[in-house]
């Protein structure tokens, strides 16, 4: 009997390419999955095509509709053992600098929405099921660089939040992980000029989510781990010369 048969994972922002691959992997491991997204039609098609209907529930969730988050959580069909926040929004830096509407949307989806719903989940001490919270962050948030610092700042804030949440929940033995991700071949990066040798596939990244361990920072792929370490250690004078 699969040891995860009676466990539930809640995936917020489940319509992303990485999240969809995570749904499949959690399903294969025996979890019941609550897949939550604004675009429920796309999720329904994905679940149907992949024959996942028996253990996947689809709910409507809007990361930026903060007032709905308490009701959404209270009405979940089951309180989760694992929560994955995978919602994300990206516009290029030049557009973000000139259009605050896009900047605000990135702030709300990538950071504010995450804090809103995860605070509700984390402070529910009646949920004795909760074992782990995983947030999908980005290497863009490791250091401020002129090519993407607006988007990067939202991910830096999210990573910092997750680090503090990890400390807050340690006494309840609840793990918190930040998946710090580089380039992925997904719809959010469509149209961007990226180094092909560094692009990861969604199913590859999903394996790191589903198999998350005790480390707070998880950086998929050896190349990206090296880039992460270099970014952390570079002096500011050299960071300023990066694109």
Protein backbone atom coordinates (compact mmCIF):
# COMPACT_ATOMS: atom_id res chain seq x y z
CA UNK A 1 0.00 0.00 0.00
CA UNK A 2 1.36 3.42 -0.95
CA UNK A 3 2.26 5.36 2.21
CA UNK A 4 0.90 8.59 0.66
CA UNK A 5 -2.58 7.21 -0.09
CA UNK A 6 -4.23 9.29 2.64
CA UNK A 7 -2.18 12.43 2.13
CA UNK A 8 -3.22 15.58 0.28
CA UNK A 9 -1.13 18.15 -1.57
CA UNK A 10 -2.50 21.59 -2.41
CA UNK A 11 -0.95 23.23 -5.48
CA UNK A 12 -1.68 26.95 -5.80
CA UNK A 13 -1.14 28.34 -9.29
CA UNK A 14 -1.56 24.81 -10.62
CA UNK A 15 -1.89 25.84 -14.26
CA UNK A 16 1.83 26.53 -14.70
CA UNK A 17 3.83 24.01 -16.73
CA UNK A 18 5.93 22.97 -13.73
CA UNK A 19 2.86 22.68 -11.50
CA UNK A 20 1.11 20.41 -14.00
CA UNK A 21 4.10 18.07 -14.09
CA UNK A 22 4.12 18.12 -10.28
CA UNK A 23 0.46 17.07 -10.26
CA UNK A 24 1.36 14.00 -12.31
CA UNK A 25 4.28 13.06 -10.04
CA UNK A 26 2.30 13.53 -6.82
CA UNK A 27 -0.50 11.44 -8.35
CA UNK A 28 1.98 8.67 -9.16
CA UNK A 29 3.19 8.75 -5.55
CA UNK A 30 -0.34 8.16 -4.29
CA UNK A 31 -1.24 11.66 -3.08
CA UNK A 32 -4.64 13.20 -3.48
CA UNK A 33 -4.10 16.52 -5.26
CA UNK A 34 -6.06 19.75 -4.95
CA UNK A 35 -5.12 21.76 -8.03
CA UNK A 36 -6.11 25.43 -7.70
CA UNK A 37 -5.92 28.08 -10.40
CA UNK A 38 -7.87 30.86 -12.09
CA UNK A 39 -7.92 28.83 -15.32
CA UNK A 40 -9.83 25.76 -14.21
CA UNK A 41 -10.78 24.81 -17.79
CA UNK A 42 -7.14 24.24 -18.72
CA UNK A 43 -6.64 22.12 -15.60
CA UNK A 44 -9.73 20.06 -16.33
CA UNK A 45 -8.42 19.29 -19.80
CA UNK A 46 -4.99 18.36 -18.43
CA UNK A 47 -6.47 16.05 -15.80
CA UNK A 48 -8.75 14.42 -18.35
CA UNK A 49 -6.02 13.85 -20.96
CA UNK A 50 -3.72 12.31 -18.35
CA UNK A 51 -6.43 10.19 -16.66
CA UNK A 52 -5.85 11.77 -13.26
CA UNK A 53 -9.46 12.42 -12.32
CA UNK A 54 -9.73 9.82 -9.57
CA UNK A 55 -7.44 11.68 -7.15
CA UNK A 56 -7.27 15.26 -8.45
CA UNK A 57 -9.74 17.95 -7.37
CA UNK A 58 -9.81 21.24 -9.27
CA UNK A 59 -10.69 24.50 -7.52
CA UNK A 60 -10.77 28.13 -8.54
CA UNK A 61 -8.09 30.26 -6.86
CA UNK A 62 -7.07 33.82 -7.64
CA UNK A 63 -3.77 34.81 -6.03
CA UNK A 64 -4.58 38.52 -6.15
CA UNK A 65 -8.13 38.26 -4.76
CA UNK A 66 -6.85 38.48 -1.21
CA UNK A 67 -10.30 38.81 0.38
CA UNK A 68 -11.28 35.38 -1.01
CA UNK A 69 -8.34 33.49 0.46
CA UNK A 70 -9.78 32.76 3.91
CA UNK A 71 -12.99 31.36 2.41
CA UNK A 72 -11.00 29.34 -0.15
CA UNK A 73 -8.94 27.71 2.60
CA UNK A 74 -11.86 27.07 4.94
CA UNK A 75 -13.79 25.29 2.18
CA UNK A 76 -11.00 22.96 1.03
CA UNK A 77 -12.22 19.36 0.73
CA UNK A 78 -9.28 18.29 2.91
CA UNK A 79 -6.62 20.16 4.85
CA UNK A 80 -3.28 19.64 3.07
CA UNK A 81 -0.17 17.79 4.18
CA UNK A 82 1.90 19.62 1.56
CA UNK A 83 1.35 23.06 0.01
CA UNK A 84 3.08 24.23 -3.18
CA UNK A 85 2.85 27.91 -4.19
CA UNK A 86 3.56 27.93 -7.92
CA UNK A 87 1.70 31.05 -9.06
CA UNK A 88 3.86 33.50 -10.99
CA UNK A 89 3.71 36.53 -13.27
CA UNK A 90 6.52 38.04 -15.34
CA UNK A 91 6.99 41.03 -17.62
CA UNK A 92 10.34 42.24 -18.93
CA UNK A 93 12.20 44.86 -16.94
CA UNK A 94 11.86 47.70 -19.44
CA UNK A 95 8.08 47.32 -19.49
CA UNK A 96 7.93 46.98 -15.71
CA UNK A 97 9.86 50.23 -15.28
CA UNK A 98 7.43 52.16 -17.48
CA UNK A 99 4.14 50.52 -16.55
CA UNK A 100 3.38 50.25 -12.85
CA UNK A 101 0.26 48.20 -13.58
CA UNK A 102 2.48 45.32 -14.68
CA UNK A 103 4.87 45.89 -11.79
CA UNK A 104 2.00 45.82 -9.31
CA UNK A 105 0.67 42.59 -10.85
CA UNK A 106 4.08 40.95 -10.38
CA UNK A 107 4.17 42.12 -6.77
CA UNK A 108 0.68 40.84 -6.08
CA UNK A 109 1.04 37.42 -7.74
CA UNK A 110 4.66 36.63 -6.85
CA UNK A 111 4.71 37.99 -3.30
CA UNK A 112 1.56 39.49 -1.82
CA UNK A 113 -0.73 36.66 -2.92
CA UNK A 114 1.72 34.11 -1.57
CA UNK A 115 1.97 35.83 1.82
CA UNK A 116 -1.80 36.21 2.03
CA UNK A 117 -2.71 32.56 1.48
CA UNK A 118 0.36 31.00 3.12
CA UNK A 119 -0.15 33.04 6.30
CA UNK A 120 -3.66 31.62 6.53
CA UNK A 121 -2.41 28.08 5.98
CA UNK A 122 0.58 28.38 8.30
CA UNK A 123 -1.37 29.82 11.23
CA UNK A 124 -4.04 27.12 11.20
CA UNK A 125 -2.78 25.16 14.18
CA UNK A 126 -5.82 22.90 13.96
CA UNK A 127 -4.40 21.41 10.77
CA UNK A 128 -2.26 18.67 12.22
CA UNK A 129 -1.73 17.29 8.71
CA UNK A 130 0.60 20.08 7.53
CA UNK A 131 4.12 18.77 6.93
CA UNK A 132 5.65 21.01 4.29
CA UNK A 133 5.29 24.28 2.37
CA UNK A 134 7.20 24.74 -0.90
CA UNK A 135 7.50 28.07 -2.69
CA UNK A 136 8.73 28.45 -6.26
CA UNK A 137 11.20 31.33 -6.31
CA UNK A 138 13.87 32.34 -8.84
CA UNK A 139 17.57 33.00 -9.28
CA UNK A 140 16.47 36.44 -10.43
CA UNK A 141 15.96 37.22 -6.75
CA UNK A 142 19.47 36.30 -5.61
CA UNK A 143 21.09 39.62 -6.58
CA UNK A 144 19.72 42.81 -8.09
CA UNK A 145 20.74 43.02 -11.77
CA UNK A 146 19.77 45.72 -14.21
CA UNK A 147 18.14 43.34 -16.69
CA UNK A 148 15.46 41.99 -14.33
CA UNK A 149 15.58 43.70 -10.93
CA UNK A 150 11.87 44.55 -10.78
CA UNK A 151 10.76 40.94 -11.21
CA UNK A 152 13.77 39.81 -9.15
CA UNK A 153 12.75 42.00 -6.24
CA UNK A 154 9.40 40.20 -5.96
CA UNK A 155 11.16 36.84 -5.86
CA UNK A 156 13.75 38.09 -3.36
CA UNK A 157 10.92 39.20 -1.08
CA UNK A 158 9.22 35.82 -1.46
CA UNK A 159 12.42 33.92 -0.63
CA UNK A 160 12.97 36.08 2.47
CA UNK A 161 9.39 35.44 3.57
CA UNK A 162 9.84 31.68 3.16
CA UNK A 163 13.07 31.77 5.17
CA UNK A 164 11.30 33.43 8.08
CA UNK A 165 8.30 31.13 7.74
CA UNK A 166 10.65 28.16 7.99
CA UNK A 167 11.88 29.46 11.36
CA UNK A 168 8.33 30.22 12.51
CA UNK A 169 7.11 26.69 11.77
CA UNK A 170 10.17 24.77 12.94
CA UNK A 171 8.69 24.18 16.41
CA UNK A 172 5.77 22.37 14.76
CA UNK A 173 8.19 20.27 12.68
CA UNK A 174 6.82 21.74 9.43
CA UNK A 175 9.40 21.99 6.65
CA UNK A 176 9.59 25.02 4.35
CA UNK A 177 11.54 24.93 1.08
CA UNK A 178 12.36 27.60 -1.49
CA UNK A 179 12.89 26.20 -4.96
CA UNK A 180 15.27 28.71 -6.54
CA UNK A 181 14.83 28.14 -10.24
CA UNK A 182 16.70 29.21 -13.37
CA UNK A 183 15.39 29.18 -16.94
CA UNK A 184 12.59 26.73 -17.70
CA UNK A 185 10.99 25.99 -21.04
CA UNK A 186 7.55 27.27 -20.09
CA UNK A 187 4.92 29.69 -21.35
CA UNK A 188 6.02 32.38 -18.87
CA UNK A 189 9.39 32.58 -20.68
CA UNK A 190 7.95 32.41 -24.20
CA UNK A 191 9.56 35.01 -26.47
CA UNK A 192 12.55 35.68 -24.21
CA UNK A 193 16.08 35.28 -25.57
CA UNK A 194 17.57 32.63 -23.28
CA UNK A 195 20.71 30.49 -23.30
CA UNK A 196 19.49 27.15 -24.67
CA UNK A 197 22.14 25.16 -22.81
CA UNK A 198 20.74 26.36 -19.49
CA UNK A 199 17.03 25.79 -20.11
CA UNK A 200 15.42 23.06 -17.99
CA UNK A 201 12.27 21.10 -18.79
CA UNK A 202 9.23 21.41 -16.51
CA UNK A 203 9.16 17.69 -15.68
CA UNK A 204 12.79 17.86 -14.56
CA UNK A 205 12.08 20.76 -12.18
CA UNK A 206 8.92 19.07 -10.89
CA UNK A 207 10.99 16.15 -9.57
CA UNK A 208 12.79 18.54 -7.20
CA UNK A 209 9.46 19.77 -5.88
CA UNK A 210 8.00 16.33 -5.25
CA UNK A 211 11.25 15.02 -3.75
CA UNK A 212 12.06 18.10 -1.64
CA UNK A 213 14.18 17.27 1.40
CA UNK A 214 15.30 19.19 4.47
CA UNK A 215 17.40 21.91 2.83
CA UNK A 216 15.74 25.32 2.68
CA UNK A 217 17.21 26.35 -0.67
CA UNK A 218 16.79 23.87 -3.51
CA UNK A 219 18.47 24.77 -6.82
CA UNK A 220 17.66 22.28 -9.61
CA UNK A 221 20.51 21.37 -11.98
CA UNK A 222 24.27 21.47 -11.30
CA UNK A 223 24.88 24.37 -13.71
CA UNK A 224 22.34 26.52 -11.94
CA UNK A 225 23.80 25.61 -8.54
CA UNK A 226 27.14 26.97 -9.73
CA UNK A 227 25.50 30.13 -11.05
CA UNK A 228 23.64 30.54 -7.76
CA UNK A 229 26.86 30.29 -5.75
CA UNK A 230 28.69 32.70 -8.06
CA UNK A 231 25.88 35.25 -7.80
CA UNK A 232 25.91 34.98 -4.01
CA UNK A 233 29.67 35.53 -3.82
CA UNK A 234 30.34 38.13 -6.52
CA UNK A 235 31.32 41.58 -5.26
CA UNK A 236 28.88 44.35 -6.13
CA UNK A 237 31.30 45.93 -8.60
CA UNK A 238 31.17 42.77 -10.73
CA UNK A 239 27.44 42.23 -10.34
CA UNK A 240 26.97 45.72 -11.79
CA UNK A 241 28.69 44.57 -14.99
CA UNK A 242 26.29 41.67 -15.53
CA UNK A 243 23.45 42.13 -18.05
